[in-house]
Amino acid sequence: MKKDFIVYIEDIIESIQKIEEYTGVLSKEEFEELVSIQDAVLMRLAVIGESANKIPVDVRKINKIILWRKIINLRNLIVHDYSSVNIERIWKIIQKELPVFKKQIADLLEKTSK
């Protein structure tokens, strides 16, 4: 039987894939110039954080390798303090942290779906 929170894991994966689509062929400079892409990425990062926050605490505790608090805090920053978002930092997250997170979430989905 499918567990309810799996839908949130799937939302996270979908948002990561969208961010990859939006930014996959862009250079850092192009990303910094394209406000519409920045907006789309930030929206998807907010969705990721919101979905992460809806995953039960006991599931998050078992999967401590995932930086849940950092992901949720990024969502809060985007939603509540948009003007302080550092686009250079967002680019680093996309390039360095998102691929690691994608693997961790895919592993969690596989483990949970069994």
C-alpha atoms as a PDB file:
ATOM      1  CA  MET A   1       0.000   0.000   0.000  1.00  0.00           C
ATOM      2  CA  LYS A   2       1.283   3.449  -0.923  1.00  0.00           C
ATOM      3  CA  LYS A   3       2.133   5.625   2.067  1.00  0.00           C
ATOM      4  CA  ASP A   4       0.722   9.149   2.018  1.00  0.00           C
ATOM      5  CA  PHE A   5       4.055  10.940   2.370  1.00  0.00           C
ATOM      6  CA  ILE A   6       5.434   9.295  -0.767  1.00  0.00           C
ATOM      7  CA  VAL A   7       3.529  11.918  -2.748  1.00  0.00           C
ATOM      8  CA  TYR A   8       5.755  14.574  -1.130  1.00  0.00           C
ATOM      9  CA  ILE A   9       8.896  12.659  -2.052  1.00  0.00           C
ATOM     10  CA  GLU A  10       7.612  12.465  -5.623  1.00  0.00           C
ATOM     11  CA  ASP A  11       6.929  16.235  -5.578  1.00  0.00           C
ATOM     12  CA  ILE A  12      10.516  16.819  -4.489  1.00  0.00           C
ATOM     13  CA  ILE A  13      11.867  14.646  -7.293  1.00  0.00           C
ATOM     14  CA  GLU A  14       9.654  16.389  -9.853  1.00  0.00           C
ATOM     15  CA  SER A  15      10.845  19.815  -8.686  1.00  0.00           C
ATOM     16  CA  ILE A  16      14.488  18.756  -8.848  1.00  0.00           C
ATOM     17  CA  GLN A  17      13.938  17.521 -12.396  1.00  0.00           C
ATOM     18  CA  LYS A  18      12.314  20.838 -13.344  1.00  0.00           C
ATOM     19  CA  ILE A  19      15.243  22.786 -11.900  1.00  0.00           C
ATOM     20  CA  GLU A  20      17.593  20.600 -13.934  1.00  0.00           C
ATOM     21  CA  GLU A  21      15.531  21.317 -17.060  1.00  0.00           C
ATOM     22  CA  TYR A  22      15.533  25.058 -16.413  1.00  0.00           C
ATOM     23  CA  THR A  23      19.258  25.331 -15.700  1.00  0.00           C
ATOM     24  CA  GLY A  24      20.896  22.362 -17.420  1.00  0.00           C
ATOM     25  CA  VAL A  25      22.402  24.252 -20.350  1.00  0.00           C
ATOM     26  CA  LEU A  26      22.957  27.585 -18.615  1.00  0.00           C
ATOM     27  CA  SER A  27      26.211  29.083 -17.453  1.00  0.00           C
ATOM     28  CA  LYS A  28      26.357  30.838 -14.111  1.00  0.00           C
ATOM     29  CA  GLU A  29      26.364  34.187 -15.917  1.00  0.00           C
ATOM     30  CA  GLU A  30      23.280  33.288 -17.945  1.00  0.00           C
ATOM     31  CA  PHE A  31      21.485  32.163 -14.811  1.00  0.00           C
ATOM     32  CA  GLU A  32      22.341  35.440 -13.091  1.00  0.00           C
ATOM     33  CA  GLU A  33      20.884  37.388 -16.034  1.00  0.00           C
ATOM     34  CA  LEU A  34      17.669  35.389 -16.516  1.00  0.00           C
ATOM     35  CA  VAL A  35      15.309  36.571 -13.796  1.00  0.00           C
ATOM     36  CA  SER A  36      12.471  34.424 -15.144  1.00  0.00           C
ATOM     37  CA  ILE A  37      14.605  31.282 -14.694  1.00  0.00           C
ATOM     38  CA  GLN A  38      15.639  32.434 -11.227  1.00  0.00           C
ATOM     39  CA  ASP A  39      11.982  32.883 -10.320  1.00  0.00           C
ATOM     40  CA  ALA A  40      11.096  29.410 -11.614  1.00  0.00           C
ATOM     41  CA  VAL A  41      14.000  27.822  -9.731  1.00  0.00           C
ATOM     42  CA  LEU A  42      13.140  29.635  -6.517  1.00  0.00           C
ATOM     43  CA  MET A  43       9.536  28.502  -6.800  1.00  0.00           C
ATOM     44  CA  ARG A  44      10.655  24.903  -7.224  1.00  0.00           C
ATOM     45  CA  LEU A  45      13.056  25.196  -4.280  1.00  0.00           C
ATOM     46  CA  ALA A  46      10.158  26.505  -2.197  1.00  0.00           C
ATOM     47  CA  VAL A  47       8.055  23.504  -3.273  1.00  0.00           C
ATOM     48  CA  ILE A  48      10.913  21.197  -2.281  1.00  0.00           C
ATOM     49  CA  GLY A  49      11.137  22.790   1.156  1.00  0.00           C
ATOM     50  CA  GLU A  50       7.383  22.691   1.676  1.00  0.00           C
ATOM     51  CA  SER A  51       7.219  19.027   0.651  1.00  0.00           C
ATOM     52  CA  ALA A  52      10.198  18.182   2.871  1.00  0.00           C
ATOM     53  CA  ASN A  53       8.432  19.807   5.797  1.00  0.00           C
ATOM     54  CA  LYS A  54       5.383  17.581   5.217  1.00  0.00           C
ATOM     55  CA  ILE A  55       7.386  14.370   5.400  1.00  0.00           C
ATOM     56  CA  PRO A  56       6.778  12.892   8.854  1.00  0.00           C
ATOM     57  CA  VAL A  57       9.364  13.710  11.500  1.00  0.00           C
ATOM     58  CA  ASP A  58       9.987  10.032  12.219  1.00  0.00           C
ATOM     59  CA  VAL A  59      10.879   9.448   8.547  1.00  0.00           C
ATOM     60  CA  ARG A  60      13.213  12.459   8.624  1.00  0.00           C
ATOM     61  CA  LYS A  61      14.871  11.225  11.824  1.00  0.00           C
ATOM     62  CA  ILE A  62      15.544   7.816  10.288  1.00  0.00           C
ATOM     63  CA  ASN A  63      17.080   9.511   7.227  1.00  0.00           C
ATOM     64  CA  LYS A  64      19.415  11.940   8.984  1.00  0.00           C
ATOM     65  CA  ILE A  65      21.848  12.007   6.069  1.00  0.00           C
ATOM     66  CA  ILE A  66      19.397  14.326   4.311  1.00  0.00           C
ATOM     67  CA  LEU A  67      19.770  17.916   5.476  1.00  0.00           C
ATOM     68  CA  TRP A  68      16.059  18.395   6.123  1.00  0.00           C
ATOM     69  CA  ARG A  69      16.373  21.534   8.272  1.00  0.00           C
ATOM     70  CA  LYS A  70      18.582  23.256   5.684  1.00  0.00           C
ATOM     71  CA  ILE A  71      16.082  22.466   2.912  1.00  0.00           C
ATOM     72  CA  ILE A  72      13.123  23.711   4.950  1.00  0.00           C
ATOM     73  CA  ASN A  73      15.025  26.835   6.023  1.00  0.00           C
ATOM     74  CA  LEU A  74      15.798  27.663   2.388  1.00  0.00           C
ATOM     75  CA  ARG A  75      12.085  27.466   1.621  1.00  0.00           C
ATOM     76  CA  ASN A  76      11.360  29.820   4.506  1.00  0.00           C
ATOM     77  CA  LEU A  77      13.963  32.287   3.276  1.00  0.00           C
ATOM     78  CA  ILE A  78      12.558  32.252  -0.257  1.00  0.00           C
ATOM     79  CA  VAL A  79       8.961  32.665   0.889  1.00  0.00           C
ATOM     80  CA  HIS A  80       9.393  35.079   3.786  1.00  0.00           C
ATOM     81  CA  ASP A  81      12.518  37.075   2.928  1.00  0.00           C
ATOM     82  CA  TYR A  82      12.732  36.928  -0.864  1.00  0.00           C
ATOM     83  CA  SER A  83      14.797  40.107  -1.147  1.00  0.00           C
ATOM     84  CA  SER A  84      17.664  38.562   0.809  1.00  0.00           C
ATOM     85  CA  VAL A  85      18.027  35.534  -1.465  1.00  0.00           C
ATOM     86  CA  ASN A  86      21.583  35.330  -2.784  1.00  0.00           C
ATOM     87  CA  ILE A  87      21.419  34.180  -6.424  1.00  0.00           C
ATOM     88  CA  GLU A  88      25.080  33.173  -6.431  1.00  0.00           C
ATOM     89  CA  ARG A  89      24.375  30.897  -3.458  1.00  0.00           C
ATOM     90  CA  ILE A  90      21.330  29.475  -5.259  1.00  0.00           C
ATOM     91  CA  TRP A  91      23.548  28.636  -8.244  1.00  0.00           C
ATOM     92  CA  LYS A  92      25.964  26.797  -5.937  1.00  0.00           C
ATOM     93  CA  ILE A  93      23.067  24.863  -4.438  1.00  0.00           C
ATOM     94  CA  ILE A  94      21.889  23.871  -7.924  1.00  0.00           C
ATOM     95  CA  GLN A  95      25.350  22.791  -9.028  1.00  0.00           C
ATOM     96  CA  LYS A  96      26.728  21.129  -5.892  1.00  0.00           C
ATOM     97  CA  GLU A  97      23.989  20.248  -3.435  1.00  0.00           C
ATOM     98  CA  LEU A  98      20.975  19.418  -5.581  1.00  0.00           C
ATOM     99  CA  PRO A  99      22.586  16.383  -7.297  1.00  0.00           C
ATOM    100  CA  VAL A 100      23.479  14.888  -3.888  1.00  0.00           C
ATOM    101  CA  PHE A 101      20.010  15.610  -2.542  1.00  0.00           C
ATOM    102  CA  LYS A 102      18.429  14.082  -5.656  1.00  0.00           C
ATOM    103  CA  LYS A 103      20.270  10.807  -5.038  1.00  0.00           C
ATOM    104  CA  GLN A 104      19.336  10.802  -1.355  1.00  0.00           C
ATOM    105  CA  ILE A 105      15.662  11.413  -2.119  1.00  0.00           C
ATOM    106  CA  ALA A 106      15.633   8.767  -4.864  1.00  0.00           C
ATOM    107  CA  ASP A 107      17.138   6.300  -2.387  1.00  0.00           C
ATOM    108  CA  LEU A 108      14.489   7.226   0.182  1.00  0.00           C
ATOM    109  CA  LEU A 109      11.722   6.728  -2.370  1.00  0.00           C
ATOM    110  CA  GLU A 110      13.074   3.334  -3.340  1.00  0.00           C
ATOM    111  CA  LYS A 111      13.417   2.259   0.284  1.00  0.00           C
ATOM    112  CA  THR A 112       9.968   3.557   1.209  1.00  0.00           C
ATOM    113  CA  SER A 113       8.139   2.159  -1.818  1.00  0.00           C
ATOM    114  CA  LYS A 114       9.021  -1.411  -0.956  1.00  0.00           C
END
